[in-house]
Amino acid sequence: MLTLIAVFGVLLAAVSLWGLYRPRTVVSWVQYVGLHRFGMTFAVGLRLVLGFALILAAPATPFPQIVFALGVIALLAAVGIVIMGWERVTGLLNWFAEAPATTLRTAFAFGAAFGGFLLYTSL
């Protein structure tokens, strides 16, 4: 499980760092993937896998309570996406795509930090 979390952390950090450099490119890619019917299924599945991995790996990490809580949050986010439905998720993606570049870069900075934390806690 720790390896899965480390891989996810590296991928998240890499995409987020790319987003710091080219925010509009990354957002348009996320829109392209997210606005297809499989995009919502992929987003829910990814959060479910990450959530269960974080919960199962939490005892083996230096911050077990934090990692466990992040796993629960990931599972709740998966449920939230399903509850929101296709129309609201699409609206949220479109709203985010129209945000100023500074806002996007701030979000990507948090994503890079979160990816780095996942990598750190899984090693």
PDB file of N, CA and C in Angstrom:
ATOM      1  N   MET A   1       0.806  -1.198   0.000  1.00  0.00           N
ATOM      2  CA  MET A   1       0.000   0.000   0.000  1.00  0.00           C
ATOM      3  C   MET A   1       0.855   1.271   0.000  1.00  0.00           C
ATOM      4  N   LEU A   2       1.981   1.201   0.718  1.00  0.00           N
ATOM      5  CA  LEU A   2       2.847   2.377   0.767  1.00  0.00           C
ATOM      6  C   LEU A   2       3.393   2.726  -0.608  1.00  0.00           C
ATOM      7  N   THR A   3       3.680   1.698  -1.409  1.00  0.00           N
ATOM      8  CA  THR A   3       4.178   1.944  -2.758  1.00  0.00           C
ATOM      9  C   THR A   3       3.120   2.639  -3.610  1.00  0.00           C
ATOM     10  N   LEU A   4       1.878   2.197  -3.479  1.00  0.00           N
ATOM     11  CA  LEU A   4       0.782   2.826  -4.223  1.00  0.00           C
ATOM     12  C   LEU A   4       0.636   4.289  -3.823  1.00  0.00           C
ATOM     13  N   ILE A   5       0.735   4.570  -2.536  1.00  0.00           N
ATOM     14  CA  ILE A   5       0.626   5.946  -2.053  1.00  0.00           C
ATOM     15  C   ILE A   5       1.811   6.777  -2.562  1.00  0.00           C
ATOM     16  N   ALA A   6       3.003   6.194  -2.573  1.00  0.00           N
ATOM     17  CA  ALA A   6       4.179   6.914  -3.076  1.00  0.00           C
ATOM     18  C   ALA A   6       4.027   7.240  -4.558  1.00  0.00           C
ATOM     19  N   VAL A   7       3.552   6.290  -5.341  1.00  0.00           N
ATOM     20  CA  VAL A   7       3.348   6.523  -6.780  1.00  0.00           C
ATOM     21  C   VAL A   7       2.310   7.622  -6.990  1.00  0.00           C
ATOM     22  N   PHE A   8       1.213   7.547  -6.238  1.00  0.00           N
ATOM     23  CA  PHE A   8       0.197   8.584  -6.358  1.00  0.00           C
ATOM     24  C   PHE A   8       0.763   9.943  -5.971  1.00  0.00           C
ATOM     25  N   GLY A   9       1.561   9.991  -4.910  1.00  0.00           N
ATOM     26  CA  GLY A   9       2.176  11.244  -4.477  1.00  0.00           C
ATOM     27  C   GLY A   9       3.078  11.843  -5.546  1.00  0.00           C
ATOM     28  N   VAL A  10       3.889  10.993  -6.177  1.00  0.00           N
ATOM     29  CA  VAL A  10       4.793  11.468  -7.226  1.00  0.00           C
ATOM     30  C   VAL A  10       3.997  11.999  -8.417  1.00  0.00           C
ATOM     31  N   LEU A  11       2.968  11.258  -8.831  1.00  0.00           N
ATOM     32  CA  LEU A  11       2.157  11.705  -9.969  1.00  0.00           C
ATOM     33  C   LEU A  11       1.431  13.009  -9.661  1.00  0.00           C
ATOM     34  N   LEU A  12       0.871  13.098  -8.462  1.00  0.00           N
ATOM     35  CA  LEU A  12       0.172  14.322  -8.077  1.00  0.00           C
ATOM     36  C   LEU A  12       1.126  15.505  -8.028  1.00  0.00           C
ATOM     37  N   ALA A  13       2.293  15.311  -7.437  1.00  0.00           N
ATOM     38  CA  ALA A  13       3.277  16.393  -7.369  1.00  0.00           C
ATOM     39  C   ALA A  13       3.734  16.803  -8.765  1.00  0.00           C
ATOM     40  N   ALA A  14       3.963  15.829  -9.639  1.00  0.00           N
ATOM     41  CA  ALA A  14       4.435  16.138 -10.986  1.00  0.00           C
ATOM     42  C   ALA A  14       3.397  16.936 -11.778  1.00  0.00           C
ATOM     43  N   VAL A  15       2.143  16.493 -11.740  1.00  0.00           N
ATOM     44  CA  VAL A  15       1.088  17.206 -12.468  1.00  0.00           C
ATOM     45  C   VAL A  15       0.896  18.599 -11.867  1.00  0.00           C
ATOM     46  N   SER A  16       0.961  18.702 -10.542  1.00  0.00           N
ATOM     47  CA  SER A  16       0.786  20.000  -9.890  1.00  0.00           C
ATOM     48  C   SER A  16       1.928  20.951 -10.212  1.00  0.00           C
ATOM     49  N   LEU A  17       3.146  20.439 -10.257  1.00  0.00           N
ATOM     50  CA  LEU A  17       4.285  21.294 -10.633  1.00  0.00           C
ATOM     51  C   LEU A  17       4.159  21.750 -12.082  1.00  0.00           C
ATOM     52  N   TRP A  18       3.678  20.865 -12.944  1.00  0.00           N
ATOM     53  CA  TRP A  18       3.415  21.243 -14.329  1.00  0.00           C
ATOM     54  C   TRP A  18       2.334  22.329 -14.352  1.00  0.00           C
ATOM     55  N   GLY A  19       1.327  22.202 -13.479  1.00  0.00           N
ATOM     56  CA  GLY A  19       0.269  23.195 -13.394  1.00  0.00           C
ATOM     57  C   GLY A  19       0.761  24.545 -12.897  1.00  0.00           C
ATOM     58  N   LEU A  20       1.784  24.546 -12.054  1.00  0.00           N
ATOM     59  CA  LEU A  20       2.371  25.821 -11.625  1.00  0.00           C
ATOM     60  C   LEU A  20       3.007  26.543 -12.806  1.00  0.00           C
ATOM     61  N   TYR A  21       3.588  25.771 -13.716  1.00  0.00           N
ATOM     62  CA  TYR A  21       4.255  26.339 -14.878  1.00  0.00           C
ATOM     63  C   TYR A  21       3.251  26.701 -15.977  1.00  0.00           C
ATOM     64  N   ARG A  22       2.320  25.796 -16.262  1.00  0.00           N
ATOM     65  CA  ARG A  22       1.339  25.980 -17.340  1.00  0.00           C
ATOM     66  C   ARG A  22      -0.069  25.678 -16.821  1.00  0.00           C
ATOM     67  N   PRO A  23      -0.655  26.572 -16.023  1.00  0.00           N
ATOM     68  CA  PRO A  23      -1.947  26.252 -15.405  1.00  0.00           C
ATOM     69  C   PRO A  23      -3.079  26.002 -16.394  1.00  0.00           C
ATOM     70  N   ARG A  24      -3.150  26.784 -17.441  1.00  0.00           N
ATOM     71  CA  ARG A  24      -4.253  26.617 -18.408  1.00  0.00           C
ATOM     72  C   ARG A  24      -4.149  25.291 -19.161  1.00  0.00           C
ATOM     73  N   THR A  25      -2.933  24.851 -19.448  1.00  0.00           N
ATOM     74  CA  THR A  25      -2.749  23.581 -20.144  1.00  0.00           C
ATOM     75  C   THR A  25      -3.245  22.423 -19.293  1.00  0.00           C
ATOM     76  N   VAL A  26      -2.898  22.428 -18.027  1.00  0.00           N
ATOM     77  CA  VAL A  26      -3.310  21.338 -17.132  1.00  0.00           C
ATOM     78  C   VAL A  26      -4.818  21.375 -16.922  1.00  0.00           C
ATOM     79  N   VAL A  27      -5.383  22.556 -16.738  1.00  0.00           N
ATOM     80  CA  VAL A  27      -6.823  22.658 -16.529  1.00  0.00           C
ATOM     81  C   VAL A  27      -7.580  22.194 -17.770  1.00  0.00           C
ATOM     82  N   SER A  28      -7.099  22.531 -18.952  1.00  0.00           N
ATOM     83  CA  SER A  28      -7.788  22.078 -20.167  1.00  0.00           C
ATOM     84  C   SER A  28      -7.686  20.557 -20.309  1.00  0.00           C
ATOM     85  N   TRP A  29      -6.576  19.983 -19.881  1.00  0.00           N
ATOM     86  CA  TRP A  29      -6.428  18.526 -19.902  1.00  0.00           C
ATOM     87  C   TRP A  29      -7.399  17.883 -18.910  1.00  0.00           C
ATOM     88  N   VAL A  30      -7.513  18.453 -17.718  1.00  0.00           N
ATOM     89  CA  VAL A  30      -8.441  17.930 -16.717  1.00  0.00           C
ATOM     90  C   VAL A  30      -9.878  18.055 -17.224  1.00  0.00           C
ATOM     91  N   GLN A  31     -10.191  19.157 -17.861  1.00  0.00           N
ATOM     92  CA  GLN A  31     -11.528  19.316 -18.447  1.00  0.00           C
ATOM     93  C   GLN A  31     -11.782  18.271 -19.519  1.00  0.00           C
ATOM     94  N   TYR A  32     -10.797  18.043 -20.379  1.00  0.00           N
ATOM     95  CA  TYR A  32     -10.954  17.073 -21.456  1.00  0.00           C
ATOM     96  C   TYR A  32     -11.252  15.686 -20.891  1.00  0.00           C
ATOM     97  N   VAL A  33     -10.499  15.289 -19.881  1.00  0.00           N
ATOM     98  CA  VAL A  33     -10.706  13.974 -19.271  1.00  0.00           C
ATOM     99  C   VAL A  33     -11.982  13.968 -18.438  1.00  0.00           C
ATOM    100  N   GLY A  34     -12.180  15.018 -17.642  1.00  0.00           N
ATOM    101  CA  GLY A  34     -13.289  15.046 -16.712  1.00  0.00           C
ATOM    102  C   GLY A  34     -14.649  15.195 -17.345  1.00  0.00           C
ATOM    103  N   LEU A  35     -14.730  15.809 -18.506  1.00  0.00           N
ATOM    104  CA  LEU A  35     -16.023  16.036 -19.135  1.00  0.00           C
ATOM    105  C   LEU A  35     -16.499  14.862 -19.981  1.00  0.00           C
ATOM    106  N   HIS A  36     -15.696  13.828 -20.092  1.00  0.00           N
ATOM    107  CA  HIS A  36     -16.159  12.607 -20.735  1.00  0.00           C
ATOM    108  C   HIS A  36     -16.868  11.757 -19.686  1.00  0.00           C
ATOM    109  N   ARG A  37     -17.739  10.898 -20.114  1.00  0.00           N
ATOM    110  CA  ARG A  37     -18.523  10.083 -19.171  1.00  0.00           C
ATOM    111  C   ARG A  37     -17.626   9.233 -18.279  1.00  0.00           C
ATOM    112  N   PHE A  38     -16.522   8.739 -18.810  1.00  0.00           N
ATOM    113  CA  PHE A  38     -15.642   7.920 -17.983  1.00  0.00           C
ATOM    114  C   PHE A  38     -14.852   8.766 -16.993  1.00  0.00           C
ATOM    115  N   GLY A  39     -14.797  10.060 -17.179  1.00  0.00           N
ATOM    116  CA  GLY A  39     -14.017  10.939 -16.306  1.00  0.00           C
ATOM    117  C   GLY A  39     -14.538  10.943 -14.881  1.00  0.00           C
ATOM    118  N   MET A  40     -15.863  10.983 -14.723  1.00  0.00           N
ATOM    119  CA  MET A  40     -16.437  10.968 -13.381  1.00  0.00           C
ATOM    120  C   MET A  40     -16.207   9.608 -12.724  1.00  0.00           C
ATOM    121  N   THR A  41     -16.339   8.548 -13.483  1.00  0.00           N
ATOM    122  CA  THR A  41     -16.077   7.209 -12.957  1.00  0.00           C
ATOM    123  C   THR A  41     -14.616   7.080 -12.547  1.00  0.00           C
ATOM    124  N   PHE A  42     -13.725   7.619 -13.355  1.00  0.00           N
ATOM    125  CA  PHE A  42     -12.299   7.593 -13.047  1.00  0.00           C
ATOM    126  C   PHE A  42     -12.015   8.379 -11.769  1.00  0.00           C
ATOM    127  N   ALA A  43     -12.616   9.558 -11.624  1.00  0.00           N
ATOM    128  CA  ALA A  43     -12.397  10.391 -10.440  1.00  0.00           C
ATOM    129  C   ALA A  43     -12.886   9.688  -9.180  1.00  0.00           C
ATOM    130  N   VAL A  44     -14.048   9.070  -9.251  1.00  0.00           N
ATOM    131  CA  VAL A  44     -14.581   8.352  -8.091  1.00  0.00           C
ATOM    132  C   VAL A  44     -13.706   7.146  -7.775  1.00  0.00           C
ATOM    133  N   GLY A  45     -13.353   6.377  -8.796  1.00  0.00           N
ATOM    134  CA  GLY A  45     -12.511   5.192  -8.583  1.00  0.00           C
ATOM    135  C   GLY A  45     -11.153   5.536  -8.006  1.00  0.00           C
ATOM    136  N   LEU A  46     -10.557   6.597  -8.507  1.00  0.00           N
ATOM    137  CA  LEU A  46      -9.248   7.021  -8.010  1.00  0.00           C
ATOM    138  C   LEU A  46      -9.322   7.398  -6.536  1.00  0.00           C
ATOM    139  N   ARG A  47     -10.355   8.118  -6.152  1.00  0.00           N
ATOM    140  CA  ARG A  47     -10.518   8.513  -4.749  1.00  0.00           C
ATOM    141  C   ARG A  47     -10.811   7.315  -3.851  1.00  0.00           C
ATOM    142  N   LEU A  48     -11.569   6.353  -4.361  1.00  0.00           N
ATOM    143  CA  LEU A  48     -11.823   5.141  -3.581  1.00  0.00           C
ATOM    144  C   LEU A  48     -10.540   4.346  -3.348  1.00  0.00           C
ATOM    145  N   VAL A  49      -9.766   4.158  -4.404  1.00  0.00           N
ATOM    146  CA  VAL A  49      -8.509   3.416  -4.272  1.00  0.00           C
ATOM    147  C   VAL A  49      -7.559   4.139  -3.329  1.00  0.00           C
ATOM    148  N   LEU A  50      -7.402   5.450  -3.519  1.00  0.00           N
ATOM    149  CA  LEU A  50      -6.512   6.218  -2.657  1.00  0.00           C
ATOM    150  C   LEU A  50      -7.002   6.200  -1.211  1.00  0.00           C
ATOM    151  N   GLY A  51      -8.301   6.373  -1.018  1.00  0.00           N
ATOM    152  CA  GLY A  51      -8.857   6.386   0.338  1.00  0.00           C
ATOM    153  C   GLY A  51      -8.601   5.078   1.068  1.00  0.00           C
ATOM    154  N   PHE A  52      -8.898   3.960   0.427  1.00  0.00           N
ATOM    155  CA  PHE A  52      -8.661   2.666   1.077  1.00  0.00           C
ATOM    156  C   PHE A  52      -7.170   2.417   1.295  1.00  0.00           C
ATOM    157  N   ALA A  53      -6.345   2.816   0.335  1.00  0.00           N
ATOM    158  CA  ALA A  53      -4.896   2.641   0.496  1.00  0.00           C
ATOM    159  C   ALA A  53      -4.385   3.450   1.680  1.00  0.00           C
ATOM    160  N   LEU A  54      -4.843   4.685   1.813  1.00  0.00           N
ATOM    161  CA  LEU A  54      -4.406   5.519   2.935  1.00  0.00           C
ATOM    162  C   LEU A  54      -4.861   4.939   4.269  1.00  0.00           C
ATOM    163  N   ILE A  55      -6.095   4.473   4.337  1.00  0.00           N
ATOM    164  CA  ILE A  55      -6.606   3.897   5.581  1.00  0.00           C
ATOM    165  C   ILE A  55      -5.836   2.638   5.961  1.00  0.00           C
ATOM    166  N   LEU A  56      -5.598   1.771   4.981  1.00  0.00           N
ATOM    167  CA  LEU A  56      -4.889   0.520   5.272  1.00  0.00           C
ATOM    168  C   LEU A  56      -3.420   0.744   5.608  1.00  0.00           C
ATOM    169  N   ALA A  57      -2.799   1.755   5.011  1.00  0.00           N
ATOM    170  CA  ALA A  57      -1.376   2.006   5.231  1.00  0.00           C
ATOM    171  C   ALA A  57      -1.109   2.921   6.415  1.00  0.00           C
ATOM    172  N   ALA A  58      -2.124   3.543   6.950  1.00  0.00           N
ATOM    173  CA  ALA A  58      -1.936   4.537   8.013  1.00  0.00           C
ATOM    174  C   ALA A  58      -1.073   4.052   9.179  1.00  0.00           C
ATOM    175  N   PRO A  59      -1.274   2.829   9.707  1.00  0.00           N
ATOM    176  CA  PRO A  59      -0.459   2.413  10.855  1.00  0.00           C
ATOM    177  C   PRO A  59       1.045   2.333  10.562  1.00  0.00           C
ATOM    178  N   ALA A  60       1.407   2.174   9.299  1.00  0.00           N
ATOM    179  CA  ALA A  60       2.821   2.024   8.936  1.00  0.00           C
ATOM    180  C   ALA A  60       3.489   3.352   8.598  1.00  0.00           C
ATOM    181  N   THR A  61       2.786   4.450   8.779  1.00  0.00           N
ATOM    182  CA  THR A  61       3.331   5.762   8.426  1.00  0.00           C
ATOM    183  C   THR A  61       3.738   6.531   9.674  1.00  0.00           C
ATOM    184  N   PRO A  62       4.552   7.576   9.514  1.00  0.00           N
ATOM    185  CA  PRO A  62       4.945   8.377  10.667  1.00  0.00           C
ATOM    186  C   PRO A  62       3.799   9.218  11.254  1.00  0.00           C
ATOM    187  N   PHE A  63       2.743   9.426  10.489  1.00  0.00           N
ATOM    188  CA  PHE A  63       1.604  10.243  10.929  1.00  0.00           C
ATOM    189  C   PHE A  63       0.309   9.445  10.754  1.00  0.00           C
ATOM    190  N   PRO A  64       0.088   8.416  11.541  1.00  0.00           N
ATOM    191  CA  PRO A  64      -1.048   7.524  11.282  1.00  0.00           C
ATOM    192  C   PRO A  64      -2.415   8.207  11.369  1.00  0.00           C
ATOM    193  N   GLN A  65      -2.602   9.109  12.321  1.00  0.00           N
ATOM    194  CA  GLN A  65      -3.916   9.747  12.429  1.00  0.00           C
ATOM    195  C   GLN A  65      -4.200  10.651  11.228  1.00  0.00           C
ATOM    196  N   ILE A  66      -3.189  11.385  10.804  1.00  0.00           N
ATOM    197  CA  ILE A  66      -3.368  12.282   9.657  1.00  0.00           C
ATOM    198  C   ILE A  66      -3.631  11.478   8.389  1.00  0.00           C
ATOM    199  N   VAL A  67      -2.864  10.431   8.171  1.00  0.00           N
ATOM    200  CA  VAL A  67      -3.027   9.612   6.967  1.00  0.00           C
ATOM    201  C   VAL A  67      -4.389   8.923   6.975  1.00  0.00           C
ATOM    202  N   PHE A  68      -4.806   8.429   8.129  1.00  0.00           N
ATOM    203  CA  PHE A  68      -6.128   7.820   8.239  1.00  0.00           C
ATOM    204  C   PHE A  68      -7.213   8.843   7.916  1.00  0.00           C
ATOM    205  N   ALA A  69      -7.092  10.046   8.472  1.00  0.00           N
ATOM    206  CA  ALA A  69      -8.082  11.102   8.214  1.00  0.00           C
ATOM    207  C   ALA A  69      -8.117  11.468   6.731  1.00  0.00           C
ATOM    208  N   LEU A  70      -6.955  11.526   6.096  1.00  0.00           N
ATOM    209  CA  LEU A  70      -6.924  11.818   4.655  1.00  0.00           C
ATOM    210  C   LEU A  70      -7.605  10.708   3.858  1.00  0.00           C
ATOM    211  N   GLY A  71      -7.455   9.477   4.301  1.00  0.00           N
ATOM    212  CA  GLY A  71      -8.142   8.362   3.648  1.00  0.00           C
ATOM    213  C   GLY A  71      -9.648   8.486   3.759  1.00  0.00           C
ATOM    214  N   VAL A  72     -10.128   8.852   4.941  1.00  0.00           N
ATOM    215  CA  VAL A  72     -11.568   9.050   5.138  1.00  0.00           C
ATOM    216  C   VAL A  72     -12.061  10.204   4.268  1.00  0.00           C
ATOM    217  N   ILE A  73     -11.287  11.279   4.211  1.00  0.00           N
ATOM    218  CA  ILE A  73     -11.664  12.427   3.377  1.00  0.00           C
ATOM    219  C   ILE A  73     -11.735  12.020   1.901  1.00  0.00           C
ATOM    220  N   ALA A  74     -10.784  11.213   1.444  1.00  0.00           N
ATOM    221  CA  ALA A  74     -10.803  10.752   0.058  1.00  0.00           C
ATOM    222  C   ALA A  74     -12.051   9.920  -0.226  1.00  0.00           C
ATOM    223  N   LEU A  75     -12.437   9.057   0.709  1.00  0.00           N
ATOM    224  CA  LEU A  75     -13.653   8.258   0.524  1.00  0.00           C
ATOM    225  C   LEU A  75     -14.896   9.149   0.508  1.00  0.00           C
ATOM    226  N   LEU A  76     -14.936  10.131   1.398  1.00  0.00           N
ATOM    227  CA  LEU A  76     -16.061  11.067   1.415  1.00  0.00           C
ATOM    228  C   LEU A  76     -16.116  11.893   0.131  1.00  0.00           C
ATOM    229  N   ALA A  77     -14.947  12.235  -0.415  1.00  0.00           N
ATOM    230  CA  ALA A  77     -14.909  12.978  -1.680  1.00  0.00           C
ATOM    231  C   ALA A  77     -15.475  12.134  -2.816  1.00  0.00           C
ATOM    232  N   ALA A  78     -15.187  10.832  -2.810  1.00  0.00           N
ATOM    233  CA  ALA A  78     -15.749   9.947  -3.833  1.00  0.00           C
ATOM    234  C   ALA A  78     -17.271   9.919  -3.737  1.00  0.00           C
ATOM    235  N   VAL A  79     -17.781   9.803  -2.518  1.00  0.00           N
ATOM    236  CA  VAL A  79     -19.231   9.809  -2.318  1.00  0.00           C
ATOM    237  C   VAL A  79     -19.808  11.165  -2.730  1.00  0.00           C
ATOM    238  N   GLY A  80     -19.098  12.247  -2.402  1.00  0.00           N
ATOM    239  CA  GLY A  80     -19.555  13.577  -2.761  1.00  0.00           C
ATOM    240  C   GLY A  80     -19.679  13.775  -4.260  1.00  0.00           C
ATOM    241  N   ILE A  81     -18.746  13.234  -5.011  1.00  0.00           N
ATOM    242  CA  ILE A  81     -18.802  13.349  -6.474  1.00  0.00           C
ATOM    243  C   ILE A  81     -20.039  12.633  -7.004  1.00  0.00           C
ATOM    244  N   VAL A  82     -20.307  11.448  -6.463  1.00  0.00           N
ATOM    245  CA  VAL A  82     -21.484  10.698  -6.909  1.00  0.00           C
ATOM    246  C   VAL A  82     -22.762  11.463  -6.567  1.00  0.00           C
ATOM    247  N   ILE A  83     -22.824  12.024  -5.359  1.00  0.00           N
ATOM    248  CA  ILE A  83     -24.007  12.770  -4.937  1.00  0.00           C
ATOM    249  C   ILE A  83     -24.196  14.024  -5.794  1.00  0.00           C
ATOM    250  N   MET A  84     -23.087  14.698  -6.116  1.00  0.00           N
ATOM    251  CA  MET A  84     -23.173  15.920  -6.927  1.00  0.00           C
ATOM    252  C   MET A  84     -23.777  15.637  -8.297  1.00  0.00           C
ATOM    253  N   GLY A  85     -23.385  14.553  -8.909  1.00  0.00           N
ATOM    254  CA  GLY A  85     -23.913  14.209 -10.226  1.00  0.00           C
ATOM    255  C   GLY A  85     -23.142  14.872 -11.354  1.00  0.00           C
ATOM    256  N   TRP A  86     -23.443  14.411 -12.550  1.00  0.00           N
ATOM    257  CA  TRP A  86     -22.729  14.822 -13.755  1.00  0.00           C
ATOM    258  C   TRP A  86     -22.833  16.325 -14.009  1.00  0.00           C
ATOM    259  N   GLU A  87     -24.027  16.890 -13.877  1.00  0.00           N
ATOM    260  CA  GLU A  87     -24.228  18.299 -14.211  1.00  0.00           C
ATOM    261  C   GLU A  87     -23.441  19.220 -13.275  1.00  0.00           C
ATOM    262  N   ARG A  88     -23.502  18.942 -11.982  1.00  0.00           N
ATOM    263  CA  ARG A  88     -22.794  19.802 -11.024  1.00  0.00           C
ATOM    264  C   ARG A  88     -21.281  19.648 -11.129  1.00  0.00           C
ATOM    265  N   VAL A  89     -20.816  18.441 -11.366  1.00  0.00           N
ATOM    266  CA  VAL A  89     -19.369  18.234 -11.533  1.00  0.00           C
ATOM    267  C   VAL A  89     -18.890  18.976 -12.776  1.00  0.00           C
ATOM    268  N   THR A  90     -19.658  18.909 -13.842  1.00  0.00           N
ATOM    269  CA  THR A  90     -19.318  19.642 -15.059  1.00  0.00           C
ATOM    270  C   THR A  90     -19.283  21.142 -14.794  1.00  0.00           C
ATOM    271  N   GLY A  91     -20.278  21.643 -14.078  1.00  0.00           N
ATOM    272  CA  GLY A  91     -20.299  23.066 -13.729  1.00  0.00           C
ATOM    273  C   GLY A  91     -19.107  23.468 -12.883  1.00  0.00           C
ATOM    274  N   LEU A  92     -18.729  22.621 -11.937  1.00  0.00           N
ATOM    275  CA  LEU A  92     -17.566  22.901 -11.095  1.00  0.00           C
ATOM    276  C   LEU A  92     -16.279  22.927 -11.920  1.00  0.00           C
ATOM    277  N   LEU A  93     -16.130  21.981 -12.831  1.00  0.00           N
ATOM    278  CA  LEU A  93     -14.944  21.969 -13.703  1.00  0.00           C
ATOM    279  C   LEU A  93     -14.887  23.228 -14.571  1.00  0.00           C
ATOM    280  N   ASN A  94     -16.019  23.612 -15.122  1.00  0.00           N
ATOM    281  CA  ASN A  94     -16.047  24.809 -15.963  1.00  0.00           C
ATOM    282  C   ASN A  94     -15.769  26.067 -15.148  1.00  0.00           C
ATOM    283  N   TRP A  95     -16.311  26.130 -13.922  1.00  0.00           N
ATOM    284  CA  TRP A  95     -16.042  27.277 -13.049  1.00  0.00           C
ATOM    285  C   TRP A  95     -14.554  27.361 -12.732  1.00  0.00           C
ATOM    286  N   PHE A  96     -13.949  26.231 -12.398  1.00  0.00           N
ATOM    287  CA  PHE A  96     -12.523  26.209 -12.064  1.00  0.00           C
ATOM    288  C   PHE A  96     -11.679  26.609 -13.272  1.00  0.00           C
ATOM    289  N   ALA A  97     -12.087  26.202 -14.459  1.00  0.00           N
ATOM    290  CA  ALA A  97     -11.333  26.527 -15.678  1.00  0.00           C
ATOM    291  C   ALA A  97     -11.315  28.017 -15.957  1.00  0.00           C
ATOM    292  N   GLU A  98     -12.327  28.741 -15.487  1.00  0.00           N
ATOM    293  CA  GLU A  98     -12.405  30.178 -15.724  1.00  0.00           C
ATOM    294  C   GLU A  98     -11.752  31.004 -14.622  1.00  0.00           C
ATOM    295  N   ALA A  99     -11.206  30.346 -13.618  1.00  0.00           N
ATOM    296  CA  ALA A  99     -10.572  31.059 -12.500  1.00  0.00           C
ATOM    297  C   ALA A  99      -9.298  31.762 -12.981  1.00  0.00           C
ATOM    298  N   PRO A 100      -8.897  32.827 -12.299  1.00  0.00           N
ATOM    299  CA  PRO A 100      -7.657  33.517 -12.665  1.00  0.00           C
ATOM    300  C   PRO A 100      -6.439  32.594 -12.503  1.00  0.00           C
ATOM    301  N   ALA A 101      -5.405  32.881 -13.259  1.00  0.00           N
ATOM    302  CA  ALA A 101      -4.196  32.056 -13.227  1.00  0.00           C
ATOM    303  C   ALA A 101      -3.589  31.997 -11.820  1.00  0.00           C
ATOM    304  N   THR A 102      -3.680  33.070 -11.067  1.00  0.00           N
ATOM    305  CA  THR A 102      -3.144  33.082  -9.697  1.00  0.00           C
ATOM    306  C   THR A 102      -3.886  32.075  -8.821  1.00  0.00           C
ATOM    307  N   THR A 103      -5.185  32.004  -8.975  1.00  0.00           N
ATOM    308  CA  THR A 103      -5.980  31.039  -8.214  1.00  0.00           C
ATOM    309  C   THR A 103      -5.596  29.619  -8.599  1.00  0.00           C
ATOM    310  N   LEU A 104      -5.440  29.387  -9.891  1.00  0.00           N
ATOM    311  CA  LEU A 104      -5.047  28.056 -10.359  1.00  0.00           C
ATOM    312  C   LEU A 104      -3.672  27.681  -9.817  1.00  0.00           C
ATOM    313  N   ARG A 105      -2.740  28.609  -9.876  1.00  0.00           N
ATOM    314  CA  ARG A 105      -1.394  28.321  -9.373  1.00  0.00           C
ATOM    315  C   ARG A 105      -1.404  28.032  -7.870  1.00  0.00           C
ATOM    316  N   THR A 106      -2.255  28.729  -7.136  1.00  0.00           N
ATOM    317  CA  THR A 106      -2.374  28.463  -5.701  1.00  0.00           C
ATOM    318  C   THR A 106      -2.896  27.048  -5.466  1.00  0.00           C
ATOM    319  N   ALA A 107      -3.899  26.653  -6.213  1.00  0.00           N
ATOM    320  CA  ALA A 107      -4.435  25.295  -6.093  1.00  0.00           C
ATOM    321  C   ALA A 107      -3.372  24.258  -6.457  1.00  0.00           C
ATOM    322  N   PHE A 108      -2.607  24.530  -7.511  1.00  0.00           N
ATOM    323  CA  PHE A 108      -1.554  23.597  -7.905  1.00  0.00           C
ATOM    324  C   PHE A 108      -0.428  23.549  -6.873  1.00  0.00           C
ATOM    325  N   ALA A 109      -0.158  24.656  -6.212  1.00  0.00           N
ATOM    326  CA  ALA A 109       0.858  24.653  -5.153  1.00  0.00           C
ATOM    327  C   ALA A 109       0.414  23.751  -4.001  1.00  0.00           C
ATOM    328  N   PHE A 110      -0.858  23.838  -3.624  1.00  0.00           N
ATOM    329  CA  PHE A 110      -1.376  22.934  -2.594  1.00  0.00           C
ATOM    330  C   PHE A 110      -1.308  21.482  -3.057  1.00  0.00           C
ATOM    331  N   GLY A 111      -1.619  21.233  -4.325  1.00  0.00           N
ATOM    332  CA  GLY A 111      -1.531  19.881  -4.868  1.00  0.00           C
ATOM    333  C   GLY A 111      -0.119  19.338  -4.829  1.00  0.00           C
ATOM    334  N   ALA A 112       0.854  20.178  -5.163  1.00  0.00           N
ATOM    335  CA  ALA A 112       2.260  19.748  -5.119  1.00  0.00           C
ATOM    336  C   ALA A 112       2.679  19.452  -3.684  1.00  0.00           C
ATOM    337  N   ALA A 113       2.256  20.289  -2.749  1.00  0.00           N
ATOM    338  CA  ALA A 113       2.586  20.057  -1.343  1.00  0.00           C
ATOM    339  C   ALA A 113       1.938  18.768  -0.833  1.00  0.00           C
ATOM    340  N   PHE A 114       0.701  18.532  -1.224  1.00  0.00           N
ATOM    341  CA  PHE A 114       0.011  17.312  -0.803  1.00  0.00           C
ATOM    342  C   PHE A 114       0.686  16.077  -1.404  1.00  0.00           C
ATOM    343  N   GLY A 115       1.050  16.152  -2.673  1.00  0.00           N
ATOM    344  CA  GLY A 115       1.771  15.040  -3.298  1.00  0.00           C
ATOM    345  C   GLY A 115       3.095  14.784  -2.612  1.00  0.00           C
ATOM    346  N   GLY A 116       3.800  15.853  -2.265  1.00  0.00           N
ATOM    347  CA  GLY A 116       5.056  15.702  -1.532  1.00  0.00           C
ATOM    348  C   GLY A 116       4.847  15.079  -0.162  1.00  0.00           C
ATOM    349  N   PHE A 117       3.773  15.467   0.522  1.00  0.00           N
ATOM    350  CA  PHE A 117       3.477  14.884   1.826  1.00  0.00           C
ATOM    351  C   PHE A 117       3.184  13.389   1.687  1.00  0.00           C
ATOM    352  N   LEU A 118       2.400  13.019   0.672  1.00  0.00           N
ATOM    353  CA  LEU A 118       2.096  11.599   0.463  1.00  0.00           C
ATOM    354  C   LEU A 118       3.383  10.810   0.204  1.00  0.00           C
ATOM    355  N   LEU A 119       4.269  11.374  -0.602  1.00  0.00           N
ATOM    356  CA  LEU A 119       5.537  10.706  -0.872  1.00  0.00           C
ATOM    357  C   LEU A 119       6.367  10.590   0.398  1.00  0.00           C
ATOM    358  N   TYR A 120       6.476  11.666   1.155  1.00  0.00           N
ATOM    359  CA  TYR A 120       7.265  11.662   2.386  1.00  0.00           C
ATOM    360  C   TYR A 120       6.728  10.649   3.397  1.00  0.00           C
ATOM    361  N   THR A 121       5.433  10.626   3.567  1.00  0.00           N
ATOM    362  CA  THR A 121       4.862   9.755   4.577  1.00  0.00           C
ATOM    363  C   THR A 121       4.877   8.277   4.173  1.00  0.00           C
ATOM    364  N   SER A 122       5.039   8.013   2.894  1.00  0.00           N
ATOM    365  CA  SER A 122       5.049   6.617   2.443  1.00  0.00           C
ATOM    366  C   SER A 122       6.457   6.022   2.346  1.00  0.00           C
ATOM    367  N   LEU A 123       7.471   6.831   2.533  1.00  0.00           N
ATOM    368  CA  LEU A 123       8.839   6.300   2.436  1.00  0.00           C
ATOM    369  C   LEU A 123       9.398   5.894   3.776  1.00  0.00           C
TER     370      LEU A 123
END
